[in-house]
Amino acid sequence: MTTAPTAPPRIEPATLRDIPTIIELAEATWEPTYRFIISREQIEYMYRVIYTPASLKRQMSEQQHTFLLAYVDGKPAGYASFGPLPQPNGRTAYKLHKIYVLPSRQGQGLGVHLIEAVEKAARDAGGPFLELNVNRYNPAISFYERRGFVRHREEDIPIGPYFMNDFVLRKELGG
């Protein structure tokens, strides 16, 4: 049984210098998150596409993804990334691209702290809503629904020879 951290996590924006930390966290969270949802081959393929240093640099520098790192007791314990999602009406909503917490730190409220930090940043930037994609078989769907996200649509996204079979969830931010 996990116990809650004694103090709230420290959440800080990541920089390019934090890419090795993001990769370290991804290595510890990616396989346990997806091993019961998608094949090992798809896990390995997607990981290689998303988590190379060059890919993370491109996400931060070119694709306007903001990464947040959560620290517990001074050690990195999770991360989230989000970015702008331009809308046809000229407004900019936001998309949560990633949110992962170390398995040893799950159930302690870190995911809630991370998602609240993303929601606040999106709301402060005037975003009317926050969207995210989640695999249709991922048990995290209930976490998002408890946080006020609702199923907006289904999406099948090709990634190499595989497909991500996702729900797109949305939360109105009142922006």
Protein backbone atom coordinates (compact mmCIF):
# COMPACT_ATOMS: atom_id res chain seq x y z
CA MET A 1 0.00 0.00 0.00
CA THR A 2 1.29 3.44 -0.94
CA THR A 3 1.14 6.36 1.39
CA ALA A 4 0.58 9.96 0.41
CA PRO A 5 3.60 12.23 0.29
CA THR A 6 3.88 14.48 3.35
CA ALA A 7 4.10 17.64 1.25
CA PRO A 8 2.58 18.50 -2.12
CA PRO A 9 4.90 17.82 -5.05
CA ARG A 10 6.97 20.61 -6.49
CA ILE A 11 5.93 21.08 -10.11
CA GLU A 12 8.28 22.95 -12.42
CA PRO A 13 8.45 23.58 -16.16
CA ALA A 14 11.05 21.39 -17.85
CA THR A 15 13.75 22.71 -20.16
CA LEU A 16 15.85 21.03 -22.82
CA ARG A 17 18.34 20.21 -20.04
CA ASP A 18 15.63 18.04 -18.44
CA ILE A 19 15.29 15.70 -21.43
CA PRO A 20 17.41 12.96 -19.75
CA THR A 21 15.11 13.15 -16.68
CA ILE A 22 12.00 12.88 -18.88
CA ILE A 23 13.52 9.85 -20.65
CA GLU A 24 14.37 8.25 -17.30
CA LEU A 25 10.78 8.72 -16.09
CA ALA A 26 9.40 7.45 -19.41
CA GLU A 27 11.56 4.32 -19.21
CA ALA A 28 10.09 3.59 -15.77
CA THR A 29 6.46 4.30 -16.67
CA TRP A 30 5.89 3.44 -20.34
CA GLU A 31 5.95 -0.37 -20.27
CA PRO A 32 3.98 -0.80 -17.00
CA THR A 33 1.34 1.60 -18.35
CA TYR A 34 0.78 -0.17 -21.66
CA ARG A 35 1.78 -3.84 -21.19
CA PHE A 36 -1.83 -5.00 -20.76
CA ILE A 37 -3.24 -2.71 -23.47
CA ILE A 38 -1.01 -2.99 -26.56
CA SER A 39 1.59 -5.44 -27.84
CA ARG A 40 5.21 -5.32 -26.72
CA GLU A 41 6.19 -4.58 -30.34
CA GLN A 42 3.86 -1.57 -30.46
CA ILE A 43 5.10 -0.35 -27.06
CA GLU A 44 8.70 -0.51 -28.24
CA TYR A 45 7.95 1.13 -31.60
CA MET A 46 5.97 4.01 -30.10
CA TYR A 47 8.56 4.55 -27.38
CA ARG A 48 11.33 4.82 -29.99
CA VAL A 49 9.28 7.37 -31.95
CA ILE A 50 8.25 9.54 -29.00
CA TYR A 51 11.10 9.40 -26.49
CA THR A 52 14.37 9.88 -28.32
CA PRO A 53 16.28 12.99 -27.26
CA ALA A 54 15.78 14.42 -30.76
CA SER A 55 12.02 13.77 -30.65
CA LEU A 56 11.64 15.36 -27.21
CA LYS A 57 13.68 18.37 -28.33
CA ARG A 58 11.41 18.72 -31.39
CA GLN A 59 8.31 18.47 -29.17
CA MET A 60 9.61 21.24 -26.91
CA SER A 61 11.19 23.52 -29.50
CA GLU A 62 9.07 23.14 -32.62
CA GLN A 63 5.72 21.72 -31.52
CA GLN A 64 5.25 24.05 -28.53
CA HIS A 65 4.82 21.26 -25.98
CA THR A 66 5.32 22.45 -22.43
CA PHE A 67 6.63 19.75 -20.11
CA LEU A 68 6.06 19.87 -16.36
CA LEU A 69 8.09 17.78 -13.95
CA ALA A 70 6.74 16.75 -10.54
CA TYR A 71 9.26 16.29 -7.73
CA VAL A 72 8.63 14.49 -4.44
CA ASP A 73 11.30 14.80 -1.78
CA GLY A 74 13.53 16.45 -4.37
CA LYS A 75 13.35 13.50 -6.78
CA PRO A 76 11.51 13.44 -10.13
CA ALA A 77 8.35 11.37 -9.78
CA GLY A 78 6.22 12.20 -12.82
CA TYR A 79 5.67 14.49 -15.75
CA ALA A 80 3.04 15.94 -18.03
CA SER A 81 3.17 17.74 -21.36
CA PHE A 82 0.62 19.90 -23.09
CA GLY A 83 0.42 22.29 -26.00
CA PRO A 84 -1.80 24.55 -28.04
CA LEU A 85 -4.65 23.09 -30.06
CA PRO A 86 -5.74 25.77 -32.59
CA GLN A 87 -9.47 25.85 -33.29
CA PRO A 88 -11.38 26.75 -36.49
CA ASN A 89 -12.85 29.82 -34.73
CA GLY A 90 -9.36 31.26 -34.24
CA ARG A 91 -9.24 30.49 -30.52
CA THR A 92 -6.62 28.21 -29.02
CA ALA A 93 -7.62 25.32 -26.84
CA TYR A 94 -5.05 22.98 -25.30
CA LYS A 95 -4.17 19.32 -25.51
CA LEU A 96 -2.68 17.19 -22.75
CA HIS A 97 -0.16 15.07 -24.64
CA LYS A 98 1.37 13.08 -21.79
CA ILE A 99 0.92 12.44 -18.10
CA TYR A 100 2.86 9.73 -16.32
CA VAL A 101 3.69 9.02 -12.68
CA LEU A 102 6.24 6.49 -11.47
CA PRO A 103 4.47 3.25 -10.53
CA SER A 104 5.92 3.54 -7.01
CA ARG A 105 4.30 6.98 -6.65
CA GLN A 106 0.88 6.21 -8.13
CA GLY A 107 -2.12 6.58 -5.86
CA GLN A 108 -0.56 9.50 -3.97
CA GLY A 109 -2.27 12.35 -5.81
CA LEU A 110 0.62 13.26 -8.11
CA GLY A 111 -1.45 12.77 -11.25
CA VAL A 112 -4.10 15.10 -9.81
CA HIS A 113 -1.46 17.75 -9.05
CA LEU A 114 -0.02 17.46 -12.55
CA ILE A 115 -3.36 17.62 -14.34
CA GLU A 116 -4.46 20.57 -12.19
CA ALA A 117 -1.23 22.40 -13.13
CA VAL A 118 -1.94 21.76 -16.83
CA GLU A 119 -5.57 22.87 -16.46
CA LYS A 120 -4.49 26.07 -14.70
CA ALA A 121 -1.90 26.90 -17.38
CA ALA A 122 -4.45 26.27 -20.16
CA ARG A 123 -7.14 28.29 -18.36
CA ASP A 124 -4.70 31.16 -17.64
CA ALA A 125 -3.81 31.22 -21.36
CA GLY A 126 -7.51 31.62 -22.19
CA GLY A 127 -8.08 28.07 -23.39
CA PRO A 128 -11.78 27.20 -23.57
CA PHE A 129 -11.11 23.48 -23.08
CA LEU A 130 -8.45 20.84 -22.56
CA GLU A 131 -8.44 17.67 -24.65
CA LEU A 132 -6.51 14.45 -24.35
CA ASN A 133 -6.29 11.12 -26.08
CA VAL A 134 -6.45 7.92 -24.06
CA ASN A 135 -6.39 4.34 -25.30
CA ARG A 136 -9.92 2.93 -25.23
CA TYR A 137 -8.75 0.08 -22.96
CA ASN A 138 -6.67 2.18 -20.56
CA PRO A 139 -7.97 2.04 -16.97
CA ALA A 140 -6.89 5.69 -16.60
CA ILE A 141 -10.12 6.69 -18.34
CA SER A 142 -11.87 6.63 -14.97
CA PHE A 143 -9.17 8.93 -13.51
CA TYR A 144 -9.85 11.49 -16.24
CA GLU A 145 -13.62 11.17 -15.90
CA ARG A 146 -13.36 11.79 -12.14
CA ARG A 147 -11.41 14.96 -13.03
CA GLY A 148 -14.34 16.21 -15.15
CA PHE A 149 -13.31 15.01 -18.62
CA VAL A 150 -16.03 13.60 -20.87
CA ARG A 151 -15.82 11.40 -23.95
CA HIS A 152 -15.90 13.65 -26.97
CA ARG A 153 -15.17 11.23 -29.84
CA GLU A 154 -13.22 8.12 -30.87
CA GLU A 155 -10.08 8.30 -32.96
CA ASP A 156 -7.87 5.66 -34.62
CA ILE A 157 -4.45 7.19 -35.26
CA PRO A 158 -1.82 5.43 -37.39
CA ILE A 159 1.66 5.34 -35.88
CA GLY A 160 3.99 3.42 -38.14
CA PRO A 161 2.49 -0.03 -38.75
CA TYR A 162 0.21 0.29 -35.69
CA PHE A 163 -2.90 2.18 -34.66
CA MET A 164 -3.65 4.01 -31.47
CA ASN A 165 -7.32 3.27 -30.72
CA ASP A 166 -8.28 6.21 -28.55
CA PHE A 167 -11.06 8.13 -26.95
CA VAL A 168 -10.67 11.88 -27.16
CA LEU A 169 -11.73 13.29 -23.81
CA ARG A 170 -12.51 16.95 -23.24
CA LYS A 171 -12.89 19.19 -20.21
CA GLU A 172 -14.40 22.63 -20.52
CA LEU A 173 -12.25 25.23 -18.76
CA GLY A 174 -14.59 28.21 -18.92
CA GLY A 175 -11.96 30.18 -20.84
